[in-house]
Amino acid sequence: MLWTIIGLLLVLWILGLVTKVGGALIHILLVVAVIIFIVNLFRGRAG
């Protein structure tokens, strides 16, 4: 599920860079997805 969200946000981010549509929102969502991924990665190793 997490990989699907990250992949979708990455595709939307690339489309936003190409078409200049919704740039700020896509960048914020991408940063949130990366933070969630990093937290999940550390929790997986610690637990």
PDB file of N, CA and C in Angstrom:
ATOM      1  N   MET A   1       0.827  -1.195   0.000  1.00  0.00           N
ATOM      2  CA  MET A   1       0.000   0.000   0.000  1.00  0.00           C
ATOM      3  C   MET A   1       0.866   1.251   0.000  1.00  0.00           C
ATOM      4  N   LEU A   2       1.894   1.246   0.861  1.00  0.00           N
ATOM      5  CA  LEU A   2       2.779   2.405   0.935  1.00  0.00           C
ATOM      6  C   LEU A   2       3.517   2.610  -0.379  1.00  0.00           C
ATOM      7  N   TRP A   3       3.966   1.512  -1.003  1.00  0.00           N
ATOM      8  CA  TRP A   3       4.690   1.628  -2.269  1.00  0.00           C
ATOM      9  C   TRP A   3       3.775   2.154  -3.367  1.00  0.00           C
ATOM     10  N   THR A   4       2.503   1.798  -3.333  1.00  0.00           N
ATOM     11  CA  THR A   4       1.548   2.298  -4.316  1.00  0.00           C
ATOM     12  C   THR A   4       1.371   3.798  -4.175  1.00  0.00           C
ATOM     13  N   ILE A   5       1.241   4.275  -2.948  1.00  0.00           N
ATOM     14  CA  ILE A   5       1.079   5.706  -2.703  1.00  0.00           C
ATOM     15  C   ILE A   5       2.326   6.462  -3.133  1.00  0.00           C
ATOM     16  N   ILE A   6       3.500   5.938  -2.785  1.00  0.00           N
ATOM     17  CA  ILE A   6       4.746   6.608  -3.163  1.00  0.00           C
ATOM     18  C   ILE A   6       4.889   6.646  -4.684  1.00  0.00           C
ATOM     19  N   GLY A   7       4.581   5.550  -5.340  1.00  0.00           N
ATOM     20  CA  GLY A   7       4.666   5.511  -6.804  1.00  0.00           C
ATOM     21  C   GLY A   7       3.707   6.488  -7.457  1.00  0.00           C
ATOM     22  N   LEU A   8       2.485   6.528  -6.955  1.00  0.00           N
ATOM     23  CA  LEU A   8       1.491   7.446  -7.503  1.00  0.00           C
ATOM     24  C   LEU A   8       1.912   8.891  -7.312  1.00  0.00           C
ATOM     25  N   LEU A   9       2.399   9.232  -6.120  1.00  0.00           N
ATOM     26  CA  LEU A   9       2.853  10.595  -5.869  1.00  0.00           C
ATOM     27  C   LEU A   9       4.061  10.954  -6.715  1.00  0.00           C
ATOM     28  N   LEU A  10       4.938   9.999  -6.939  1.00  0.00           N
ATOM     29  CA  LEU A  10       6.102  10.251  -7.781  1.00  0.00           C
ATOM     30  C   LEU A  10       5.684  10.533  -9.225  1.00  0.00           C
ATOM     31  N   VAL A  11       4.735   9.767  -9.739  1.00  0.00           N
ATOM     32  CA  VAL A  11       4.229  10.001 -11.093  1.00  0.00           C
ATOM     33  C   VAL A  11       3.542  11.360 -11.174  1.00  0.00           C
ATOM     34  N   LEU A  12       2.727  11.687 -10.185  1.00  0.00           N
ATOM     35  CA  LEU A  12       2.060  12.991 -10.178  1.00  0.00           C
ATOM     36  C   LEU A  12       3.060  14.133 -10.075  1.00  0.00           C
ATOM     37  N   TRP A  13       4.139  13.926  -9.307  1.00  0.00           N
ATOM     38  CA  TRP A  13       5.168  14.941  -9.168  1.00  0.00           C
ATOM     39  C   TRP A  13       5.864  15.184 -10.500  1.00  0.00           C
ATOM     40  N   ILE A  14       6.204  14.106 -11.204  1.00  0.00           N
ATOM     41  CA  ILE A  14       6.849  14.243 -12.512  1.00  0.00           C
ATOM     42  C   ILE A  14       5.912  14.933 -13.501  1.00  0.00           C
ATOM     43  N   LEU A  15       4.639  14.561 -13.491  1.00  0.00           N
ATOM     44  CA  LEU A  15       3.667  15.227 -14.361  1.00  0.00           C
ATOM     45  C   LEU A  15       3.529  16.702 -13.998  1.00  0.00           C
ATOM     46  N   GLY A  16       3.590  17.003 -12.705  1.00  0.00           N
ATOM     47  CA  GLY A  16       3.524  18.397 -12.268  1.00  0.00           C
ATOM     48  C   GLY A  16       4.722  19.199 -12.733  1.00  0.00           C
ATOM     49  N   LEU A  17       5.900  18.576 -12.741  1.00  0.00           N
ATOM     50  CA  LEU A  17       7.086  19.266 -13.245  1.00  0.00           C
ATOM     51  C   LEU A  17       6.973  19.531 -14.739  1.00  0.00           C
ATOM     52  N   VAL A  18       6.422  18.566 -15.475  1.00  0.00           N
ATOM     53  CA  VAL A  18       6.322  18.699 -16.930  1.00  0.00           C
ATOM     54  C   VAL A  18       5.238  19.699 -17.317  1.00  0.00           C
ATOM     55  N   THR A  19       4.082  19.634 -16.660  1.00  0.00           N
ATOM     56  CA  THR A  19       2.942  20.448 -17.071  1.00  0.00           C
ATOM     57  C   THR A  19       2.739  21.697 -16.217  1.00  0.00           C
ATOM     58  N   LYS A  20       3.477  21.832 -15.130  1.00  0.00           N
ATOM     59  CA  LYS A  20       3.370  22.988 -14.224  1.00  0.00           C
ATOM     60  C   LYS A  20       1.970  23.139 -13.628  1.00  0.00           C
ATOM     61  N   VAL A  21       1.303  22.010 -13.351  1.00  0.00           N
ATOM     62  CA  VAL A  21      -0.040  22.037 -12.771  1.00  0.00           C
ATOM     63  C   VAL A  21       0.023  21.521 -11.340  1.00  0.00           C
ATOM     64  N   GLY A  22      -0.505  22.277 -10.395  1.00  0.00           N
ATOM     65  CA  GLY A  22      -0.575  21.839  -9.009  1.00  0.00           C
ATOM     66  C   GLY A  22       0.786  21.618  -8.382  1.00  0.00           C
ATOM     67  N   GLY A  23       1.761  22.412  -8.737  1.00  0.00           N
ATOM     68  CA  GLY A  23       3.139  22.213  -8.305  1.00  0.00           C
ATOM     69  C   GLY A  23       3.317  22.159  -6.803  1.00  0.00           C
ATOM     70  N   ALA A  24       2.816  23.136  -6.097  1.00  0.00           N
ATOM     71  CA  ALA A  24       3.043  23.217  -4.652  1.00  0.00           C
ATOM     72  C   ALA A  24       2.390  22.046  -3.914  1.00  0.00           C
ATOM     73  N   LEU A  25       1.186  21.702  -4.280  1.00  0.00           N
ATOM     74  CA  LEU A  25       0.477  20.608  -3.611  1.00  0.00           C
ATOM     75  C   LEU A  25       1.181  19.277  -3.840  1.00  0.00           C
ATOM     76  N   ILE A  26       1.608  19.032  -5.058  1.00  0.00           N
ATOM     77  CA  ILE A  26       2.295  17.780  -5.371  1.00  0.00           C
ATOM     78  C   ILE A  26       3.611  17.697  -4.615  1.00  0.00           C
ATOM     79  N   HIS A  27       4.344  18.802  -4.521  1.00  0.00           N
ATOM     80  CA  HIS A  27       5.609  18.795  -3.799  1.00  0.00           C
ATOM     81  C   HIS A  27       5.401  18.519  -2.316  1.00  0.00           C
ATOM     82  N   ILE A  28       4.366  19.112  -1.740  1.00  0.00           N
ATOM     83  CA  ILE A  28       4.072  18.880  -0.323  1.00  0.00           C
ATOM     84  C   ILE A  28       3.700  17.417  -0.097  1.00  0.00           C
ATOM     85  N   LEU A  29       2.866  16.860  -0.961  1.00  0.00           N
ATOM     86  CA  LEU A  29       2.463  15.462  -0.820  1.00  0.00           C
ATOM     87  C   LEU A  29       3.644  14.520  -1.003  1.00  0.00           C
ATOM     88  N   LEU A  30       4.556  14.867  -1.913  1.00  0.00           N
ATOM     89  CA  LEU A  30       5.735  14.032  -2.115  1.00  0.00           C
ATOM     90  C   LEU A  30       6.628  14.042  -0.883  1.00  0.00           C
ATOM     91  N   VAL A  31       6.804  15.202  -0.280  1.00  0.00           N
ATOM     92  CA  VAL A  31       7.611  15.295   0.939  1.00  0.00           C
ATOM     93  C   VAL A  31       6.965  14.487   2.059  1.00  0.00           C
ATOM     94  N   VAL A  32       5.659  14.567   2.198  1.00  0.00           N
ATOM     95  CA  VAL A  32       4.950  13.792   3.218  1.00  0.00           C
ATOM     96  C   VAL A  32       5.134  12.298   2.969  1.00  0.00           C
ATOM     97  N   ALA A  33       5.052  11.869   1.702  1.00  0.00           N
ATOM     98  CA  ALA A  33       5.224  10.454   1.385  1.00  0.00           C
ATOM     99  C   ALA A  33       6.636   9.981   1.716  1.00  0.00           C
ATOM    100  N   VAL A  34       7.636  10.802   1.439  1.00  0.00           N
ATOM    101  CA  VAL A  34       9.017  10.430   1.750  1.00  0.00           C
ATOM    102  C   VAL A  34       9.211  10.331   3.260  1.00  0.00           C
ATOM    103  N   ILE A  35       8.648  11.258   4.022  1.00  0.00           N
ATOM    104  CA  ILE A  35       8.760  11.214   5.482  1.00  0.00           C
ATOM    105  C   ILE A  35       8.095   9.955   6.036  1.00  0.00           C
ATOM    106  N   ILE A  36       6.914   9.628   5.532  1.00  0.00           N
ATOM    107  CA  ILE A  36       6.220   8.418   5.980  1.00  0.00           C
ATOM    108  C   ILE A  36       7.034   7.183   5.637  1.00  0.00           C
ATOM    109  N   PHE A  37       7.643   7.167   4.449  1.00  0.00           N
ATOM    110  CA  PHE A  37       8.473   6.034   4.044  1.00  0.00           C
ATOM    111  C   PHE A  37       9.665   5.861   4.976  1.00  0.00           C
ATOM    112  N   ILE A  38      10.342   6.963   5.312  1.00  0.00           N
ATOM    113  CA  ILE A  38      11.515   6.896   6.185  1.00  0.00           C
ATOM    114  C   ILE A  38      11.119   6.435   7.581  1.00  0.00           C
ATOM    115  N   VAL A  39      10.029   6.962   8.107  1.00  0.00           N
ATOM    116  CA  VAL A  39       9.569   6.547   9.435  1.00  0.00           C
ATOM    117  C   VAL A  39       9.207   5.067   9.426  1.00  0.00           C
ATOM    118  N   ASN A  40       8.529   4.618   8.382  1.00  0.00           N
ATOM    119  CA  ASN A  40       8.150   3.215   8.273  1.00  0.00           C
ATOM    120  C   ASN A  40       9.388   2.323   8.151  1.00  0.00           C
ATOM    121  N   LEU A  41      10.390   2.781   7.432  1.00  0.00           N
ATOM    122  CA  LEU A  41      11.628   2.023   7.272  1.00  0.00           C
ATOM    123  C   LEU A  41      12.334   1.841   8.604  1.00  0.00           C
ATOM    124  N   PHE A  42      12.427   2.915   9.394  1.00  0.00           N
ATOM    125  CA  PHE A  42      13.091   2.824  10.693  1.00  0.00           C
ATOM    126  C   PHE A  42      12.286   1.992  11.680  1.00  0.00           C
ATOM    127  N   ARG A  43      10.979   2.088  11.660  1.00  0.00           N
ATOM    128  CA  ARG A  43      10.153   1.282  12.549  1.00  0.00           C
ATOM    129  C   ARG A  43      10.260  -0.194  12.208  1.00  0.00           C
ATOM    130  N   GLY A  44      10.373  -0.506  10.917  1.00  0.00           N
ATOM    131  CA  GLY A  44      10.508  -1.891  10.490  1.00  0.00           C
ATOM    132  C   GLY A  44      11.809  -2.501  10.960  1.00  0.00           C
ATOM    133  N   ARG A  45      12.884  -1.738  10.926  1.00  0.00           N
ATOM    134  CA  ARG A  45      14.187  -2.252  11.372  1.00  0.00           C
ATOM    135  C   ARG A  45      14.264  -2.339  12.879  1.00  0.00           C
ATOM    136  N   ALA A  46      13.629  -1.394  13.576  1.00  0.00           N
ATOM    137  CA  ALA A  46      13.714  -1.369  15.039  1.00  0.00           C
ATOM    138  C   ALA A  46      12.830  -2.466  15.648  1.00  0.00           C
ATOM    139  N   GLY A  47      11.697  -2.754  14.992  1.00  0.00           N
ATOM    140  CA  GLY A  47      10.727  -3.650  15.578  1.00  0.00           C
ATOM    141  C   GLY A  47      10.834  -5.043  15.245  1.00  0.00           C
TER     142      GLY A  47
END
